[in-house]
Amino acid sequence: MQPNQSLSLKIVDKVAEREGVQPEELNPPIHYAINTDALDSLYEASNSDRNPSKVEFVYKGYTVTVDSTGDVDIENRVATLDPEKTAV
């Protein structure tokens, strides 16, 4: 991550790395999953006293979690089982 990179771009970089593609190749763009301007403004250094304890959303099949310090964790989303397709 670049020193002054926004949080939303940090997330895009991490997801692109997981997907094995360049960030600009991700489709749909991250703003389809979350308002990136609002997310970035929540975590601006000048507003650190306003940081939420956690923000979590789904993007590209990953659960993205941002903690109060702005650290990003990306986990594969667990697919829910369709009871009609589950073997008994």
PDB file of N, CA and C in Angstrom:
ATOM      1  N   MET A   1       0.848  -1.188   0.000  1.00  0.00           N
ATOM      2  CA  MET A   1       0.000   0.000   0.000  1.00  0.00           C
ATOM      3  C   MET A   1       0.878   1.229   0.000  1.00  0.00           C
ATOM      4  N   GLN A   2       0.473   2.230  -0.750  1.00  0.00           N
ATOM      5  CA  GLN A   2       1.194   3.492  -0.785  1.00  0.00           C
ATOM      6  C   GLN A   2       0.888   4.275   0.483  1.00  0.00           C
ATOM      7  N   PRO A   3       1.838   5.124   0.952  1.00  0.00           N
ATOM      8  CA  PRO A   3       1.665   5.820   2.225  1.00  0.00           C
ATOM      9  C   PRO A   3       0.366   6.613   2.370  1.00  0.00           C
ATOM     10  N   ASN A   4      -0.053   7.328   1.350  1.00  0.00           N
ATOM     11  CA  ASN A   4      -1.252   8.166   1.455  1.00  0.00           C
ATOM     12  C   ASN A   4      -2.430   7.580   0.682  1.00  0.00           C
ATOM     13  N   GLN A   5      -2.425   6.277   0.486  1.00  0.00           N
ATOM     14  CA  GLN A   5      -3.490   5.620  -0.263  1.00  0.00           C
ATOM     15  C   GLN A   5      -4.771   5.584   0.568  1.00  0.00           C
ATOM     16  N   SER A   6      -5.891   5.833  -0.091  1.00  0.00           N
ATOM     17  CA  SER A   6      -7.177   5.801   0.606  1.00  0.00           C
ATOM     18  C   SER A   6      -7.514   4.381   1.035  1.00  0.00           C
ATOM     19  N   LEU A   7      -8.388   4.276   2.005  1.00  0.00           N
ATOM     20  CA  LEU A   7      -8.806   2.977   2.506  1.00  0.00           C
ATOM     21  C   LEU A   7      -9.485   2.154   1.415  1.00  0.00           C
ATOM     22  N   SER A   8     -10.330   2.779   0.625  1.00  0.00           N
ATOM     23  CA  SER A   8     -11.032   2.030  -0.420  1.00  0.00           C
ATOM     24  C   SER A   8     -10.047   1.469  -1.454  1.00  0.00           C
ATOM     25  N   LEU A   9      -9.000   2.212  -1.794  1.00  0.00           N
ATOM     26  CA  LEU A   9      -7.995   1.701  -2.726  1.00  0.00           C
ATOM     27  C   LEU A   9      -7.171   0.585  -2.092  1.00  0.00           C
ATOM     28  N   LYS A  10      -6.939   0.669  -0.796  1.00  0.00           N
ATOM     29  CA  LYS A  10      -6.248  -0.401  -0.074  1.00  0.00           C
ATOM     30  C   LYS A  10      -7.062  -1.698  -0.177  1.00  0.00           C
ATOM     31  N   ILE A  11      -8.371  -1.586  -0.013  1.00  0.00           N
ATOM     32  CA  ILE A  11      -9.258  -2.748  -0.115  1.00  0.00           C
ATOM     33  C   ILE A  11      -9.224  -3.320  -1.531  1.00  0.00           C
ATOM     34  N   VAL A  12      -9.309  -2.443  -2.532  1.00  0.00           N
ATOM     35  CA  VAL A  12      -9.267  -2.875  -3.929  1.00  0.00           C
ATOM     36  C   VAL A  12      -7.966  -3.625  -4.203  1.00  0.00           C
ATOM     37  N   ASP A  13      -6.848  -3.110  -3.722  1.00  0.00           N
ATOM     38  CA  ASP A  13      -5.558  -3.778  -3.924  1.00  0.00           C
ATOM     39  C   ASP A  13      -5.542  -5.168  -3.305  1.00  0.00           C
ATOM     40  N   LYS A  14      -6.078  -5.287  -2.093  1.00  0.00           N
ATOM     41  CA  LYS A  14      -6.082  -6.591  -1.413  1.00  0.00           C
ATOM     42  C   LYS A  14      -6.988  -7.597  -2.132  1.00  0.00           C
ATOM     43  N   VAL A  15      -8.147  -7.159  -2.577  1.00  0.00           N
ATOM     44  CA  VAL A  15      -9.060  -8.058  -3.288  1.00  0.00           C
ATOM     45  C   VAL A  15      -8.451  -8.454  -4.633  1.00  0.00           C
ATOM     46  N   ALA A  16      -7.855  -7.516  -5.333  1.00  0.00           N
ATOM     47  CA  ALA A  16      -7.225  -7.813  -6.627  1.00  0.00           C
ATOM     48  C   ALA A  16      -6.097  -8.823  -6.450  1.00  0.00           C
ATOM     49  N   GLU A  17      -5.339  -8.679  -5.383  1.00  0.00           N
ATOM     50  CA  GLU A  17      -4.260  -9.625  -5.101  1.00  0.00           C
ATOM     51  C   GLU A  17      -4.829 -11.032  -4.890  1.00  0.00           C
ATOM     52  N   ARG A  18      -5.915 -11.121  -4.130  1.00  0.00           N
ATOM     53  CA  ARG A  18      -6.571 -12.418  -3.901  1.00  0.00           C
ATOM     54  C   ARG A  18      -7.090 -13.019  -5.207  1.00  0.00           C
ATOM     55  N   GLU A  19      -7.610 -12.156  -6.084  1.00  0.00           N
ATOM     56  CA  GLU A  19      -8.186 -12.608  -7.345  1.00  0.00           C
ATOM     57  C   GLU A  19      -7.111 -12.883  -8.403  1.00  0.00           C
ATOM     58  N   GLY A  20      -5.893 -12.389  -8.164  1.00  0.00           N
ATOM     59  CA  GLY A  20      -4.815 -12.574  -9.127  1.00  0.00           C
ATOM     60  C   GLY A  20      -4.938 -11.702 -10.357  1.00  0.00           C
ATOM     61  N   VAL A  21      -5.509 -10.503 -10.165  1.00  0.00           N
ATOM     62  CA  VAL A  21      -5.691  -9.559 -11.273  1.00  0.00           C
ATOM     63  C   VAL A  21      -5.189  -8.181 -10.862  1.00  0.00           C
ATOM     64  N   GLN A  22      -5.101  -7.292 -11.827  1.00  0.00           N
ATOM     65  CA  GLN A  22      -4.767  -5.901 -11.541  1.00  0.00           C
ATOM     66  C   GLN A  22      -5.997  -5.215 -10.946  1.00  0.00           C
ATOM     67  N   PRO A  23      -5.820  -4.257 -10.043  1.00  0.00           N
ATOM     68  CA  PRO A  23      -6.969  -3.589  -9.412  1.00  0.00           C
ATOM     69  C   PRO A  23      -7.993  -3.031 -10.403  1.00  0.00           C
ATOM     70  N   GLU A  24      -7.518  -2.484 -11.510  1.00  0.00           N
ATOM     71  CA  GLU A  24      -8.455  -1.897 -12.481  1.00  0.00           C
ATOM     72  C   GLU A  24      -9.261  -2.955 -13.230  1.00  0.00           C
ATOM     73  N   GLU A  25      -8.899  -4.229 -13.089  1.00  0.00           N
ATOM     74  CA  GLU A  25      -9.622  -5.314 -13.752  1.00  0.00           C
ATOM     75  C   GLU A  25     -10.786  -5.848 -12.915  1.00  0.00           C
ATOM     76  N   LEU A  26     -10.905  -5.434 -11.656  1.00  0.00           N
ATOM     77  CA  LEU A  26     -11.995  -5.927 -10.816  1.00  0.00           C
ATOM     78  C   LEU A  26     -13.338  -5.452 -11.347  1.00  0.00           C
ATOM     79  N   ASN A  27     -14.264  -6.383 -11.433  1.00  0.00           N
ATOM     80  CA  ASN A  27     -15.585  -6.057 -11.933  1.00  0.00           C
ATOM     81  C   ASN A  27     -16.598  -6.831 -11.111  1.00  0.00           C
ATOM     82  N   PRO A  28     -17.564  -6.195 -10.510  1.00  0.00           N
ATOM     83  CA  PRO A  28     -17.885  -4.773 -10.580  1.00  0.00           C
ATOM     84  C   PRO A  28     -16.923  -3.954  -9.722  1.00  0.00           C
ATOM     85  N   PRO A  29     -16.853  -2.658 -10.001  1.00  0.00           N
ATOM     86  CA  PRO A  29     -16.020  -1.780  -9.175  1.00  0.00           C
ATOM     87  C   PRO A  29     -16.521  -1.773  -7.726  1.00  0.00           C
ATOM     88  N   ILE A  30     -15.629  -1.438  -6.803  1.00  0.00           N
ATOM     89  CA  ILE A  30     -15.952  -1.480  -5.374  1.00  0.00           C
ATOM     90  C   ILE A  30     -17.124  -0.565  -5.016  1.00  0.00           C
ATOM     91  N   HIS A  31     -17.308   0.525  -5.763  1.00  0.00           N
ATOM     92  CA  HIS A  31     -18.401   1.444  -5.403  1.00  0.00           C
ATOM     93  C   HIS A  31     -19.786   0.830  -5.630  1.00  0.00           C
ATOM     94  N   TYR A  32     -19.849  -0.339  -6.261  1.00  0.00           N
ATOM     95  CA  TYR A  32     -21.125  -1.047  -6.364  1.00  0.00           C
ATOM     96  C   TYR A  32     -21.460  -1.750  -5.045  1.00  0.00           C
ATOM     97  N   ALA A  33     -20.429  -1.972  -4.196  1.00  0.00           N
ATOM     98  CA  ALA A  33     -20.627  -2.668  -2.927  1.00  0.00           C
ATOM     99  C   ALA A  33     -20.759  -1.718  -1.749  1.00  0.00           C
ATOM    100  N   ILE A  34     -20.095  -0.560  -1.817  1.00  0.00           N
ATOM    101  CA  ILE A  34     -20.088   0.382  -0.686  1.00  0.00           C
ATOM    102  C   ILE A  34     -19.797   1.783  -1.202  1.00  0.00           C
ATOM    103  N   ASN A  35     -20.300   2.780  -0.503  1.00  0.00           N
ATOM    104  CA  ASN A  35     -20.016   4.171  -0.851  1.00  0.00           C
ATOM    105  C   ASN A  35     -18.577   4.464  -0.428  1.00  0.00           C
ATOM    106  N   THR A  36     -17.671   4.482  -1.398  1.00  0.00           N
ATOM    107  CA  THR A  36     -16.240   4.620  -1.092  1.00  0.00           C
ATOM    108  C   THR A  36     -15.897   5.984  -0.506  1.00  0.00           C
ATOM    109  N   ASP A  37     -16.584   7.036  -0.942  1.00  0.00           N
ATOM    110  CA  ASP A  37     -16.324   8.365  -0.371  1.00  0.00           C
ATOM    111  C   ASP A  37     -16.662   8.384   1.114  1.00  0.00           C
ATOM    112  N   ALA A  38     -17.794   7.786   1.477  1.00  0.00           N
ATOM    113  CA  ALA A  38     -18.198   7.743   2.885  1.00  0.00           C
ATOM    114  C   ALA A  38     -17.228   6.884   3.694  1.00  0.00           C
ATOM    115  N   LEU A  39     -16.835   5.734   3.152  1.00  0.00           N
ATOM    116  CA  LEU A  39     -15.895   4.859   3.845  1.00  0.00           C
ATOM    117  C   LEU A  39     -14.569   5.568   4.084  1.00  0.00           C
ATOM    118  N   ASP A  40     -14.029   6.182   3.040  1.00  0.00           N
ATOM    119  CA  ASP A  40     -12.748   6.882   3.173  1.00  0.00           C
ATOM    120  C   ASP A  40     -12.832   8.019   4.182  1.00  0.00           C
ATOM    121  N   SER A  41     -13.940   8.770   4.167  1.00  0.00           N
ATOM    122  CA  SER A  41     -14.059   9.901   5.095  1.00  0.00           C
ATOM    123  C   SER A  41     -14.175   9.441   6.545  1.00  0.00           C
ATOM    124  N   LEU A  42     -14.741   8.244   6.765  1.00  0.00           N
ATOM    125  CA  LEU A  42     -14.823   7.714   8.133  1.00  0.00           C
ATOM    126  C   LEU A  42     -13.446   7.457   8.738  1.00  0.00           C
ATOM    127  N   TYR A  43     -12.489   7.132   7.877  1.00  0.00           N
ATOM    128  CA  TYR A  43     -11.175   6.728   8.360  1.00  0.00           C
ATOM    129  C   TYR A  43     -10.067   7.738   8.060  1.00  0.00           C
ATOM    130  N   GLU A  44     -10.412   8.960   7.703  1.00  0.00           N
ATOM    131  CA  GLU A  44      -9.388   9.984   7.491  1.00  0.00           C
ATOM    132  C   GLU A  44      -8.668  10.249   8.798  1.00  0.00           C
ATOM    133  N   ALA A  45      -7.372  10.481   8.705  1.00  0.00           N
ATOM    134  CA  ALA A  45      -6.538  10.700   9.900  1.00  0.00           C
ATOM    135  C   ALA A  45      -7.045  11.857  10.750  1.00  0.00           C
ATOM    136  N   SER A  46      -7.537  12.895  10.116  1.00  0.00           N
ATOM    137  CA  SER A  46      -8.005  14.061  10.871  1.00  0.00           C
ATOM    138  C   SER A  46      -9.283  13.770  11.647  1.00  0.00           C
ATOM    139  N   ASN A  47      -9.950  12.680  11.309  1.00  0.00           N
ATOM    140  CA  ASN A  47     -11.202  12.334  11.980  1.00  0.00           C
ATOM    141  C   ASN A  47     -11.075  11.031  12.771  1.00  0.00           C
ATOM    142  N   SER A  48      -9.881  10.697  13.253  1.00  0.00           N
ATOM    143  CA  SER A  48      -9.662   9.399  13.894  1.00  0.00           C
ATOM    144  C   SER A  48     -10.546   9.174  15.121  1.00  0.00           C
ATOM    145  N   ASP A  49     -11.023  10.251  15.743  1.00  0.00           N
ATOM    146  CA  ASP A  49     -11.905  10.086  16.901  1.00  0.00           C
ATOM    147  C   ASP A  49     -13.303   9.621  16.490  1.00  0.00           C
ATOM    148  N   ARG A  50     -13.623   9.719  15.198  1.00  0.00           N
ATOM    149  CA  ARG A  50     -14.929   9.294  14.696  1.00  0.00           C
ATOM    150  C   ARG A  50     -14.919   7.883  14.130  1.00  0.00           C
ATOM    151  N   ASN A  51     -13.761   7.239  14.083  1.00  0.00           N
ATOM    152  CA  ASN A  51     -13.675   5.914  13.469  1.00  0.00           C
ATOM    153  C   ASN A  51     -14.640   4.939  14.135  1.00  0.00           C
ATOM    154  N   PRO A  52     -15.406   4.210  13.330  1.00  0.00           N
ATOM    155  CA  PRO A  52     -16.292   3.188  13.905  1.00  0.00           C
ATOM    156  C   PRO A  52     -15.453   2.026  14.446  1.00  0.00           C
ATOM    157  N   SER A  53     -16.024   1.236  15.338  1.00  0.00           N
ATOM    158  CA  SER A  53     -15.278   0.104  15.875  1.00  0.00           C
ATOM    159  C   SER A  53     -15.033  -0.947  14.797  1.00  0.00           C
ATOM    160  N   LYS A  54     -15.970  -1.058  13.829  1.00  0.00           N
ATOM    161  CA  LYS A  54     -15.808  -2.021  12.747  1.00  0.00           C
ATOM    162  C   LYS A  54     -16.790  -1.697  11.626  1.00  0.00           C
ATOM    163  N   VAL A  55     -16.324  -1.858  10.395  1.00  0.00           N
ATOM    164  CA  VAL A  55     -17.185  -1.771   9.217  1.00  0.00           C
ATOM    165  C   VAL A  55     -17.005  -3.084   8.473  1.00  0.00           C
ATOM    166  N   GLU A  56     -18.121  -3.687   8.080  1.00  0.00           N
ATOM    167  CA  GLU A  56     -18.051  -4.965   7.377  1.00  0.00           C
ATOM    168  C   GLU A  56     -19.009  -4.934   6.199  1.00  0.00           C
ATOM    169  N   PHE A  57     -18.532  -5.420   5.051  1.00  0.00           N
ATOM    170  CA  PHE A  57     -19.381  -5.496   3.865  1.00  0.00           C
ATOM    171  C   PHE A  57     -18.867  -6.609   2.965  1.00  0.00           C
ATOM    172  N   VAL A  58     -19.660  -6.971   1.976  1.00  0.00           N
ATOM    173  CA  VAL A  58     -19.299  -8.037   1.049  1.00  0.00           C
ATOM    174  C   VAL A  58     -18.951  -7.414  -0.291  1.00  0.00           C
ATOM    175  N   TYR A  59     -17.825  -7.876  -0.841  1.00  0.00           N
ATOM    176  CA  TYR A  59     -17.383  -7.419  -2.159  1.00  0.00           C
ATOM    177  C   TYR A  59     -16.702  -8.574  -2.874  1.00  0.00           C
ATOM    178  N   LYS A  60     -17.169  -8.897  -4.064  1.00  0.00           N
ATOM    179  CA  LYS A  60     -16.590  -9.934  -4.911  1.00  0.00           C
ATOM    180  C   LYS A  60     -16.552 -11.296  -4.226  1.00  0.00           C
ATOM    181  N   GLY A  61     -17.526 -11.577  -3.378  1.00  0.00           N
ATOM    182  CA  GLY A  61     -17.565 -12.858  -2.698  1.00  0.00           C
ATOM    183  C   GLY A  61     -16.693 -12.928  -1.453  1.00  0.00           C
ATOM    184  N   TYR A  62     -16.123 -11.814  -1.053  1.00  0.00           N
ATOM    185  CA  TYR A  62     -15.298 -11.752   0.153  1.00  0.00           C
ATOM    186  C   TYR A  62     -15.999 -10.904   1.202  1.00  0.00           C
ATOM    187  N   THR A  63     -15.827 -11.279   2.451  1.00  0.00           N
ATOM    188  CA  THR A  63     -16.276 -10.429   3.546  1.00  0.00           C
ATOM    189  C   THR A  63     -15.102  -9.528   3.890  1.00  0.00           C
ATOM    190  N   VAL A  64     -15.311  -8.227   3.736  1.00  0.00           N
ATOM    191  CA  VAL A  64     -14.277  -7.231   4.006  1.00  0.00           C
ATOM    192  C   VAL A  64     -14.590  -6.608   5.359  1.00  0.00           C
ATOM    193  N   THR A  65     -13.625  -6.654   6.269  1.00  0.00           N
ATOM    194  CA  THR A  65     -13.789  -6.076   7.594  1.00  0.00           C
ATOM    195  C   THR A  65     -12.696  -5.042   7.810  1.00  0.00           C
ATOM    196  N   VAL A  66     -13.104  -3.851   8.231  1.00  0.00           N
ATOM    197  CA  VAL A  66     -12.163  -2.779   8.547  1.00  0.00           C
ATOM    198  C   VAL A  66     -12.329  -2.480  10.027  1.00  0.00           C
ATOM    199  N   ASP A  67     -11.225  -2.559  10.784  1.00  0.00           N
ATOM    200  CA  ASP A  67     -11.330  -2.295  12.220  1.00  0.00           C
ATOM    201  C   ASP A  67     -11.140  -0.808  12.511  1.00  0.00           C
ATOM    202  N   SER A  68     -11.179  -0.441  13.785  1.00  0.00           N
ATOM    203  CA  SER A  68     -11.131   0.968  14.182  1.00  0.00           C
ATOM    204  C   SER A  68      -9.832   1.661  13.807  1.00  0.00           C
ATOM    205  N   THR A  69      -8.758   0.899  13.563  1.00  0.00           N
ATOM    206  CA  THR A  69      -7.481   1.499  13.178  1.00  0.00           C
ATOM    207  C   THR A  69      -7.326   1.605  11.673  1.00  0.00           C
ATOM    208  N   GLY A  70      -8.275   1.049  10.920  1.00  0.00           N
ATOM    209  CA  GLY A  70      -8.196   1.079   9.465  1.00  0.00           C
ATOM    210  C   GLY A  70      -7.541  -0.152   8.878  1.00  0.00           C
ATOM    211  N   ASP A  71      -7.216  -1.150   9.726  1.00  0.00           N
ATOM    212  CA  ASP A  71      -6.670  -2.402   9.214  1.00  0.00           C
ATOM    213  C   ASP A  71      -7.765  -3.171   8.485  1.00  0.00           C
ATOM    214  N   VAL A  72      -7.400  -3.774   7.368  1.00  0.00           N
ATOM    215  CA  VAL A  72      -8.356  -4.465   6.508  1.00  0.00           C
ATOM    216  C   VAL A  72      -8.112  -5.966   6.561  1.00  0.00           C
ATOM    217  N   ASP A  73      -9.204  -6.721   6.743  1.00  0.00           N
ATOM    218  CA  ASP A  73      -9.153  -8.171   6.708  1.00  0.00           C
ATOM    219  C   ASP A  73     -10.126  -8.637   5.636  1.00  0.00           C
ATOM    220  N   ILE A  74      -9.672  -9.546   4.780  1.00  0.00           N
ATOM    221  CA  ILE A  74     -10.516 -10.060   3.706  1.00  0.00           C
ATOM    222  C   ILE A  74     -10.589 -11.569   3.850  1.00  0.00           C
ATOM    223  N   GLU A  75     -11.810 -12.084   3.959  1.00  0.00           N
ATOM    224  CA  GLU A  75     -12.018 -13.521   4.107  1.00  0.00           C
ATOM    225  C   GLU A  75     -12.970 -14.011   3.041  1.00  0.00           C
ATOM    226  N   ASN A  76     -12.753 -15.249   2.603  1.00  0.00           N
ATOM    227  CA  ASN A  76     -13.696 -15.867   1.673  1.00  0.00           C
ATOM    228  C   ASN A  76     -15.038 -15.967   2.359  1.00  0.00           C
ATOM    229  N   ARG A  77     -16.069 -15.677   1.632  1.00  0.00           N
ATOM    230  CA  ARG A  77     -17.416 -15.760   2.172  1.00  0.00           C
ATOM    231  C   ARG A  77     -17.881 -17.203   2.157  1.00  0.00           C
ATOM    232  N   VAL A  78     -18.504 -17.634   3.217  1.00  0.00           N
ATOM    233  CA  VAL A  78     -19.011 -19.000   3.288  1.00  0.00           C
ATOM    234  C   VAL A  78     -20.376 -19.029   2.612  1.00  0.00           C
ATOM    235  N   ALA A  79     -20.501 -19.883   1.606  1.00  0.00           N
ATOM    236  CA  ALA A  79     -21.774 -19.995   0.894  1.00  0.00           C
ATOM    237  C   ALA A  79     -22.783 -20.698   1.798  1.00  0.00           C
ATOM    238  N   THR A  80     -23.998 -20.183   1.789  1.00  0.00           N
ATOM    239  CA  THR A  80     -25.046 -20.846   2.553  1.00  0.00           C
ATOM    240  C   THR A  80     -25.545 -22.037   1.750  1.00  0.00           C
ATOM    241  N   LEU A  81     -25.859 -23.081   2.439  1.00  0.00           N
ATOM    242  CA  LEU A  81     -26.322 -24.294   1.763  1.00  0.00           C
ATOM    243  C   LEU A  81     -27.805 -24.191   1.434  1.00  0.00           C
ATOM    244  N   ASP A  82     -28.142 -24.666   0.265  1.00  0.00           N
ATOM    245  CA  ASP A  82     -29.539 -24.743  -0.141  1.00  0.00           C
ATOM    246  C   ASP A  82     -30.094 -26.038   0.423  1.00  0.00           C
ATOM    247  N   PRO A  83     -31.074 -25.975   1.358  1.00  0.00           N
ATOM    248  CA  PRO A  83     -31.572 -27.190   2.000  1.00  0.00           C
ATOM    249  C   PRO A  83     -32.121 -28.206   0.996  1.00  0.00           C
ATOM    250  N   GLU A  84     -32.617 -27.748  -0.138  1.00  0.00           N
ATOM    251  CA  GLU A  84     -33.165 -28.670  -1.131  1.00  0.00           C
ATOM    252  C   GLU A  84     -32.071 -29.438  -1.854  1.00  0.00           C
ATOM    253  N   LYS A  85     -30.830 -28.915  -1.848  1.00  0.00           N
ATOM    254  CA  LYS A  85     -29.730 -29.570  -2.550  1.00  0.00           C
ATOM    255  C   LYS A  85     -28.802 -30.308  -1.598  1.00  0.00           C
ATOM    256  N   THR A  86     -29.101 -30.281  -0.322  1.00  0.00           N
ATOM    257  CA  THR A  86     -28.266 -30.941   0.671  1.00  0.00           C
ATOM    258  C   THR A  86     -28.641 -32.421   0.760  1.00  0.00           C
ATOM    259  N   ALA A  87     -27.618 -33.272   0.660  1.00  0.00           N
ATOM    260  CA  ALA A  87     -27.870 -34.716   0.763  1.00  0.00           C
ATOM    261  C   ALA A  87     -28.246 -35.071   2.192  1.00  0.00           C
ATOM    262  N   VAL A  88     -29.179 -36.001   2.329  1.00  0.00           N
ATOM    263  CA  VAL A  88     -29.624 -36.400   3.661  1.00  0.00           C
ATOM    264  C   VAL A  88     -29.038 -37.742   4.029  1.00  0.00           C
TER     265      VAL A  88
END
